[in-house]
Amino acid sequence: MEKSYIWQGEYGKRSHLKPLFKELLKEQDTSSLEMMAIFVNNNPYNFEFYIAMI
């Protein structure tokens, strides 16, 4: 993978990112994708949602 991507999503609204990920995964060579991770912070004072593709 030539680029790294990190998205900060809305904690409650994530469905709009699905088509984007499907397209990115179709374009990538599976051997070059090193990591795809979802980071969620469930702290009630600071809800966070991040997706990283490296």
PDB file of N, CA and C in Angstrom:
ATOM      1  N   MET A   1       0.842  -1.165   0.000  1.00  0.00           N
ATOM      2  CA  MET A   1       0.000   0.000   0.000  1.00  0.00           C
ATOM      3  C   MET A   1       0.893   1.235   0.000  1.00  0.00           C
ATOM      4  N   GLU A   2       0.650   2.140  -0.880  1.00  0.00           N
ATOM      5  CA  GLU A   2       1.507   3.310  -1.005  1.00  0.00           C
ATOM      6  C   GLU A   2       1.146   4.429  -0.037  1.00  0.00           C
ATOM      7  N   LYS A   3      -0.066   4.408   0.474  1.00  0.00           N
ATOM      8  CA  LYS A   3      -0.506   5.477   1.369  1.00  0.00           C
ATOM      9  C   LYS A   3      -1.094   4.875   2.633  1.00  0.00           C
ATOM     10  N   SER A   4      -1.085   5.658   3.670  1.00  0.00           N
ATOM     11  CA  SER A   4      -1.765   5.290   4.912  1.00  0.00           C
ATOM     12  C   SER A   4      -2.997   6.172   5.039  1.00  0.00           C
ATOM     13  N   TYR A   5      -4.064   5.606   5.545  1.00  0.00           N
ATOM     14  CA  TYR A   5      -5.309   6.352   5.697  1.00  0.00           C
ATOM     15  C   TYR A   5      -5.759   6.258   7.142  1.00  0.00           C
ATOM     16  N   ILE A   6      -6.214   7.361   7.700  1.00  0.00           N
ATOM     17  CA  ILE A   6      -6.835   7.366   9.026  1.00  0.00           C
ATOM     18  C   ILE A   6      -8.069   8.257   8.946  1.00  0.00           C
ATOM     19  N   TRP A   7      -9.205   7.720   9.359  1.00  0.00           N
ATOM     20  CA  TRP A   7     -10.453   8.487   9.360  1.00  0.00           C
ATOM     21  C   TRP A   7     -10.947   8.640  10.785  1.00  0.00           C
ATOM     22  N   GLN A   8     -11.407   9.808  11.090  1.00  0.00           N
ATOM     23  CA  GLN A   8     -12.107  10.014  12.349  1.00  0.00           C
ATOM     24  C   GLN A   8     -13.577  10.028  11.994  1.00  0.00           C
ATOM     25  N   GLY A   9     -14.279   9.027  12.474  1.00  0.00           N
ATOM     26  CA  GLY A   9     -15.700   8.922  12.164  1.00  0.00           C
ATOM     27  C   GLY A   9     -16.545   9.428  13.309  1.00  0.00           C
ATOM     28  N   GLU A  10     -17.813   9.601  13.025  1.00  0.00           N
ATOM     29  CA  GLU A  10     -18.745   9.943  14.091  1.00  0.00           C
ATOM     30  C   GLU A  10     -19.057   8.669  14.852  1.00  0.00           C
ATOM     31  N   TYR A  11     -19.094   8.740  16.136  1.00  0.00           N
ATOM     32  CA  TYR A  11     -19.283   7.550  16.961  1.00  0.00           C
ATOM     33  C   TYR A  11     -20.570   6.809  16.608  1.00  0.00           C
ATOM     34  N   GLY A  12     -21.632   7.534  16.371  1.00  0.00           N
ATOM     35  CA  GLY A  12     -22.924   6.900  16.107  1.00  0.00           C
ATOM     36  C   GLY A  12     -23.245   6.708  14.639  1.00  0.00           C
ATOM     37  N   LYS A  13     -22.550   7.387  13.749  1.00  0.00           N
ATOM     38  CA  LYS A  13     -22.852   7.317  12.309  1.00  0.00           C
ATOM     39  C   LYS A  13     -21.620   6.834  11.556  1.00  0.00           C
ATOM     40  N   ARG A  14     -21.608   5.527  11.271  1.00  0.00           N
ATOM     41  CA  ARG A  14     -20.447   4.965  10.590  1.00  0.00           C
ATOM     42  C   ARG A  14     -20.792   4.354   9.243  1.00  0.00           C
ATOM     43  N   SER A  15     -22.059   4.200   8.944  1.00  0.00           N
ATOM     44  CA  SER A  15     -22.460   3.468   7.735  1.00  0.00           C
ATOM     45  C   SER A  15     -22.032   4.164   6.446  1.00  0.00           C
ATOM     46  N   HIS A  16     -21.847   5.476   6.453  1.00  0.00           N
ATOM     47  CA  HIS A  16     -21.442   6.173   5.229  1.00  0.00           C
ATOM     48  C   HIS A  16     -20.003   5.841   4.824  1.00  0.00           C
ATOM     49  N   LEU A  17     -19.215   5.267   5.730  1.00  0.00           N
ATOM     50  CA  LEU A  17     -17.833   4.897   5.410  1.00  0.00           C
ATOM     51  C   LEU A  17     -17.730   3.526   4.740  1.00  0.00           C
ATOM     52  N   LYS A  18     -18.778   2.705   4.836  1.00  0.00           N
ATOM     53  CA  LYS A  18     -18.738   1.354   4.277  1.00  0.00           C
ATOM     54  C   LYS A  18     -18.393   1.306   2.791  1.00  0.00           C
ATOM     55  N   PRO A  19     -19.078   2.070   1.937  1.00  0.00           N
ATOM     56  CA  PRO A  19     -18.750   2.013   0.501  1.00  0.00           C
ATOM     57  C   PRO A  19     -17.310   2.441   0.206  1.00  0.00           C
ATOM     58  N   LEU A  20     -16.808   3.397   0.950  1.00  0.00           N
ATOM     59  CA  LEU A  20     -15.436   3.857   0.778  1.00  0.00           C
ATOM     60  C   LEU A  20     -14.444   2.739   1.073  1.00  0.00           C
ATOM     61  N   PHE A  21     -14.650   2.004   2.165  1.00  0.00           N
ATOM     62  CA  PHE A  21     -13.748   0.916   2.522  1.00  0.00           C
ATOM     63  C   PHE A  21     -13.829  -0.226   1.524  1.00  0.00           C
ATOM     64  N   LYS A  22     -15.024  -0.525   1.066  1.00  0.00           N
ATOM     65  CA  LYS A  22     -15.174  -1.591   0.073  1.00  0.00           C
ATOM     66  C   LYS A  22     -14.375  -1.266  -1.184  1.00  0.00           C
ATOM     67  N   GLU A  23     -14.440  -0.034  -1.632  1.00  0.00           N
ATOM     68  CA  GLU A  23     -13.708   0.381  -2.830  1.00  0.00           C
ATOM     69  C   GLU A  23     -12.193   0.348  -2.596  1.00  0.00           C
ATOM     70  N   LEU A  24     -11.742   0.848  -1.457  1.00  0.00           N
ATOM     71  CA  LEU A  24     -10.316   0.820  -1.147  1.00  0.00           C
ATOM     72  C   LEU A  24      -9.777  -0.605  -1.061  1.00  0.00           C
ATOM     73  N   LEU A  25     -10.535  -1.492  -0.438  1.00  0.00           N
ATOM     74  CA  LEU A  25     -10.075  -2.873  -0.301  1.00  0.00           C
ATOM     75  C   LEU A  25     -10.048  -3.596  -1.638  1.00  0.00           C
ATOM     76  N   LYS A  26     -10.957  -3.257  -2.546  1.00  0.00           N
ATOM     77  CA  LYS A  26     -10.946  -3.852  -3.883  1.00  0.00           C
ATOM     78  C   LYS A  26      -9.689  -3.462  -4.645  1.00  0.00           C
ATOM     79  N   GLU A  27      -9.228  -2.236  -4.443  1.00  0.00           N
ATOM     80  CA  GLU A  27      -8.083  -1.710  -5.179  1.00  0.00           C
ATOM     81  C   GLU A  27      -6.741  -2.177  -4.624  1.00  0.00           C
ATOM     82  N   GLN A  28      -6.712  -2.675  -3.392  1.00  0.00           N
ATOM     83  CA  GLN A  28      -5.437  -2.998  -2.750  1.00  0.00           C
ATOM     84  C   GLN A  28      -5.038  -4.447  -2.985  1.00  0.00           C
ATOM     85  N   ASP A  29      -3.740  -4.662  -3.066  1.00  0.00           N
ATOM     86  CA  ASP A  29      -3.179  -5.997  -3.096  1.00  0.00           C
ATOM     87  C   ASP A  29      -3.151  -6.494  -1.655  1.00  0.00           C
ATOM     88  N   THR A  30      -3.723  -7.658  -1.397  1.00  0.00           N
ATOM     89  CA  THR A  30      -3.827  -8.121  -0.013  1.00  0.00           C
ATOM     90  C   THR A  30      -2.468  -8.324   0.642  1.00  0.00           C
ATOM     91  N   SER A  31      -1.443  -8.616  -0.138  1.00  0.00           N
ATOM     92  CA  SER A  31      -0.126  -8.815   0.462  1.00  0.00           C
ATOM     93  C   SER A  31       0.522  -7.494   0.879  1.00  0.00           C
ATOM     94  N   SER A  32       0.050  -6.368   0.337  1.00  0.00           N
ATOM     95  CA  SER A  32       0.650  -5.083   0.693  1.00  0.00           C
ATOM     96  C   SER A  32      -0.098  -4.364   1.813  1.00  0.00           C
ATOM     97  N   LEU A  33      -1.270  -4.840   2.177  1.00  0.00           N
ATOM     98  CA  LEU A  33      -2.036  -4.229   3.263  1.00  0.00           C
ATOM     99  C   LEU A  33      -1.481  -4.750   4.585  1.00  0.00           C
ATOM    100  N   GLU A  34      -0.824  -3.894   5.332  1.00  0.00           N
ATOM    101  CA  GLU A  34      -0.169  -4.311   6.563  1.00  0.00           C
ATOM    102  C   GLU A  34      -1.119  -4.331   7.759  1.00  0.00           C
ATOM    103  N   MET A  35      -2.032  -3.373   7.815  1.00  0.00           N
ATOM    104  CA  MET A  35      -2.905  -3.296   8.983  1.00  0.00           C
ATOM    105  C   MET A  35      -4.189  -2.563   8.628  1.00  0.00           C
ATOM    106  N   MET A  36      -5.297  -3.069   9.135  1.00  0.00           N
ATOM    107  CA  MET A  36      -6.557  -2.336   9.114  1.00  0.00           C
ATOM    108  C   MET A  36      -7.124  -2.475  10.517  1.00  0.00           C
ATOM    109  N   ALA A  37      -7.311  -1.356  11.189  1.00  0.00           N
ATOM    110  CA  ALA A  37      -7.723  -1.398  12.589  1.00  0.00           C
ATOM    111  C   ALA A  37      -8.828  -0.389  12.849  1.00  0.00           C
ATOM    112  N   ILE A  38      -9.650  -0.718  13.813  1.00  0.00           N
ATOM    113  CA  ILE A  38     -10.712   0.176  14.275  1.00  0.00           C
ATOM    114  C   ILE A  38     -10.432   0.476  15.739  1.00  0.00           C
ATOM    115  N   PHE A  39     -10.371   1.734  16.065  1.00  0.00           N
ATOM    116  CA  PHE A  39     -10.124   2.171  17.439  1.00  0.00           C
ATOM    117  C   PHE A  39     -11.382   2.855  17.956  1.00  0.00           C
ATOM    118  N   VAL A  40     -11.896   2.363  19.064  1.00  0.00           N
ATOM    119  CA  VAL A  40     -13.115   2.923  19.651  1.00  0.00           C
ATOM    120  C   VAL A  40     -12.834   3.292  21.097  1.00  0.00           C
ATOM    121  N   ASN A  41     -13.201   4.513  21.468  1.00  0.00           N
ATOM    122  CA  ASN A  41     -13.099   4.968  22.846  1.00  0.00           C
ATOM    123  C   ASN A  41     -14.529   5.072  23.377  1.00  0.00           C
ATOM    124  N   ASN A  42     -14.881   4.201  24.309  1.00  0.00           N
ATOM    125  CA  ASN A  42     -16.235   4.187  24.854  1.00  0.00           C
ATOM    126  C   ASN A  42     -16.396   5.022  26.123  1.00  0.00           C
ATOM    127  N   ASN A  43     -15.430   5.863  26.396  1.00  0.00           N
ATOM    128  CA  ASN A  43     -15.528   6.751  27.553  1.00  0.00           C
ATOM    129  C   ASN A  43     -16.722   7.687  27.349  1.00  0.00           C
ATOM    130  N   PRO A  44     -17.700   7.701  28.247  1.00  0.00           N
ATOM    131  CA  PRO A  44     -18.900   8.519  28.040  1.00  0.00           C
ATOM    132  C   PRO A  44     -18.633  10.019  27.907  1.00  0.00           C
ATOM    133  N   TYR A  45     -17.470  10.467  28.351  1.00  0.00           N
ATOM    134  CA  TYR A  45     -17.155  11.886  28.260  1.00  0.00           C
ATOM    135  C   TYR A  45     -16.430  12.245  26.967  1.00  0.00           C
ATOM    136  N   ASN A  46     -15.996  11.216  26.234  1.00  0.00           N
ATOM    137  CA  ASN A  46     -15.226  11.498  25.021  1.00  0.00           C
ATOM    138  C   ASN A  46     -15.337  10.328  24.031  1.00  0.00           C
ATOM    139  N   PHE A  47     -16.536  10.110  23.472  1.00  0.00           N
ATOM    140  CA  PHE A  47     -16.714   9.047  22.493  1.00  0.00           C
ATOM    141  C   PHE A  47     -15.872   9.339  21.267  1.00  0.00           C
ATOM    142  N   GLU A  48     -15.090   8.359  20.823  1.00  0.00           N
ATOM    143  CA  GLU A  48     -14.262   8.523  19.636  1.00  0.00           C
ATOM    144  C   GLU A  48     -14.308   7.259  18.794  1.00  0.00           C
ATOM    145  N   PHE A  49     -14.125   7.427  17.504  1.00  0.00           N
ATOM    146  CA  PHE A  49     -14.129   6.295  16.581  1.00  0.00           C
ATOM    147  C   PHE A  49     -13.136   6.599  15.467  1.00  0.00           C
ATOM    148  N   TYR A  50     -12.097   5.780  15.316  1.00  0.00           N
ATOM    149  CA  TYR A  50     -11.087   5.966  14.286  1.00  0.00           C
ATOM    150  C   TYR A  50     -10.913   4.678  13.500  1.00  0.00           C
ATOM    151  N   ILE A  51     -10.640   4.791  12.227  1.00  0.00           N
ATOM    152  CA  ILE A  51     -10.316   3.650  11.384  1.00  0.00           C
ATOM    153  C   ILE A  51      -8.988   3.943  10.718  1.00  0.00           C
ATOM    154  N   ALA A  52      -8.078   2.984  10.761  1.00  0.00           N
ATOM    155  CA  ALA A  52      -6.749   3.168  10.158  1.00  0.00           C
ATOM    156  C   ALA A  52      -6.464   2.033   9.196  1.00  0.00           C
ATOM    157  N   MET A  53      -5.956   2.388   8.023  1.00  0.00           N
ATOM    158  CA  MET A  53      -5.474   1.415   7.036  1.00  0.00           C
ATOM    159  C   MET A  53      -4.038   1.788   6.716  1.00  0.00           C
ATOM    160  N   ILE A  54      -3.124   0.866   6.989  1.00  0.00           N
ATOM    161  CA  ILE A  54      -1.707   1.148   6.755  1.00  0.00           C
ATOM    162  C   ILE A  54      -1.123   0.024   5.921  1.00  0.00           C
TER     163      ILE A  54
END
